[in-house]
C-alpha cells in the first residue's frame, strides 16, 4: 500500500470538470458561478477547491479526491 502523502501534484482542472460532468451530468460552470481551478490544498487522498455555488449563492469548499482509482467529490458549505 502506498503511504499517504500531504504534498502531491493536483489533478488537472480538465479532469475535475470531466468528473463533475460524469458524476453530476453537468459541467462545473453549470453548478458553480466561480470555481477556482487552483486547489487550496492537495494530498494523496483529496484536493480542495474554493467555489461559489450557483443555486445556494454560497461560497463552498469542494473536495475532490480518490479512493483507489475512483474519484469522488463533495461540497462543504461555509
Protein backbone atom coordinates (compact mmCIF):
# COMPACT_ATOMS: atom_id res chain seq x y z
CA UNK A 1 0.00 0.00 0.00
CA UNK A 2 1.33 3.39 -0.99
CA UNK A 3 1.88 5.66 2.01
CA UNK A 4 -0.31 8.73 2.38
CA UNK A 5 1.32 12.00 1.44
CA UNK A 6 0.45 15.59 2.21
CA UNK A 7 2.19 17.11 -0.83
CA UNK A 8 1.11 15.79 -4.20
CA UNK A 9 0.53 17.02 -7.72
CA UNK A 10 -3.03 18.32 -8.19
CA UNK A 11 -5.49 16.67 -10.53
CA UNK A 12 -5.74 18.92 -13.62
CA UNK A 13 -8.79 21.19 -13.87
CA UNK A 14 -9.90 19.43 -17.06
CA UNK A 15 -10.07 16.11 -15.17
CA UNK A 16 -12.00 17.69 -12.29
CA UNK A 17 -14.51 19.16 -14.76
CA UNK A 18 -14.81 15.77 -16.51
CA UNK A 19 -15.51 14.16 -13.09
CA UNK A 20 -18.39 16.55 -12.45
CA UNK A 21 -19.74 16.00 -15.95
CA UNK A 22 -19.59 12.23 -15.46
CA UNK A 23 -20.91 12.11 -11.87
CA UNK A 24 -23.34 15.04 -11.87
CA UNK A 25 -24.29 15.16 -15.54
CA UNK A 26 -23.26 18.82 -15.59
CA UNK A 27 -20.02 20.73 -16.12
CA UNK A 28 -18.62 22.82 -13.27
CA UNK A 29 -19.88 26.00 -14.95
CA UNK A 30 -23.49 24.81 -14.57
CA UNK A 31 -23.07 24.10 -10.85
CA UNK A 32 -20.80 26.97 -9.82
CA UNK A 33 -20.69 30.68 -10.74
CA UNK A 34 -16.99 30.56 -9.88
CA UNK A 35 -14.66 27.58 -9.44
CA UNK A 36 -11.01 28.24 -8.66
CA UNK A 37 -9.02 25.83 -10.85
CA UNK A 38 -6.08 26.04 -8.44
CA UNK A 39 -6.70 23.88 -5.35
CA UNK A 40 -6.03 25.42 -1.94
CA UNK A 41 -4.72 22.07 -0.71
CA UNK A 42 -3.55 18.81 -2.26
CA UNK A 43 -2.77 15.49 -0.58
CA UNK A 44 -2.79 11.84 -1.61
CA UNK A 45 -6.46 11.39 -0.67
CA UNK A 46 -8.01 14.63 -1.90
CA UNK A 47 -7.66 18.18 -3.11
CA UNK A 48 -9.84 21.14 -2.18
CA UNK A 49 -11.06 23.98 -4.40
CA UNK A 50 -12.98 27.14 -3.44
CA UNK A 51 -16.11 27.77 -5.48
CA UNK A 52 -19.33 29.79 -5.46
CA UNK A 53 -22.40 27.51 -5.61
CA UNK A 54 -24.82 28.85 -8.20
CA UNK A 55 -28.05 27.57 -6.63
CA UNK A 56 -27.43 28.47 -2.98
CA UNK A 57 -25.33 31.59 -3.58
CA UNK A 58 -22.81 30.38 -1.00
CA UNK A 59 -19.05 30.08 -1.12
CA UNK A 60 -18.13 26.41 -0.75
CA UNK A 61 -15.10 24.19 -0.39
CA UNK A 62 -15.22 21.45 -3.00
CA UNK A 63 -13.27 18.33 -2.04
CA UNK A 64 -12.18 16.17 -4.95
CA UNK A 65 -10.35 13.01 -4.07
CA UNK A 66 -9.75 9.42 -4.86
CA UNK A 67 -10.13 6.08 -3.17
CA UNK A 68 -8.19 3.53 -5.16
CA UNK A 69 -8.81 4.56 -8.76
CA UNK A 70 -12.23 6.13 -8.15
CA UNK A 71 -12.57 9.90 -7.99
CA UNK A 72 -15.25 11.44 -5.78
CA UNK A 73 -16.35 14.92 -4.85
CA UNK A 74 -18.42 16.72 -2.25
CA UNK A 75 -19.10 20.35 -1.46
CA UNK A 76 -18.86 21.72 2.08
CA UNK A 77 -20.73 24.98 2.52
CA UNK A 78 -19.21 27.77 4.59
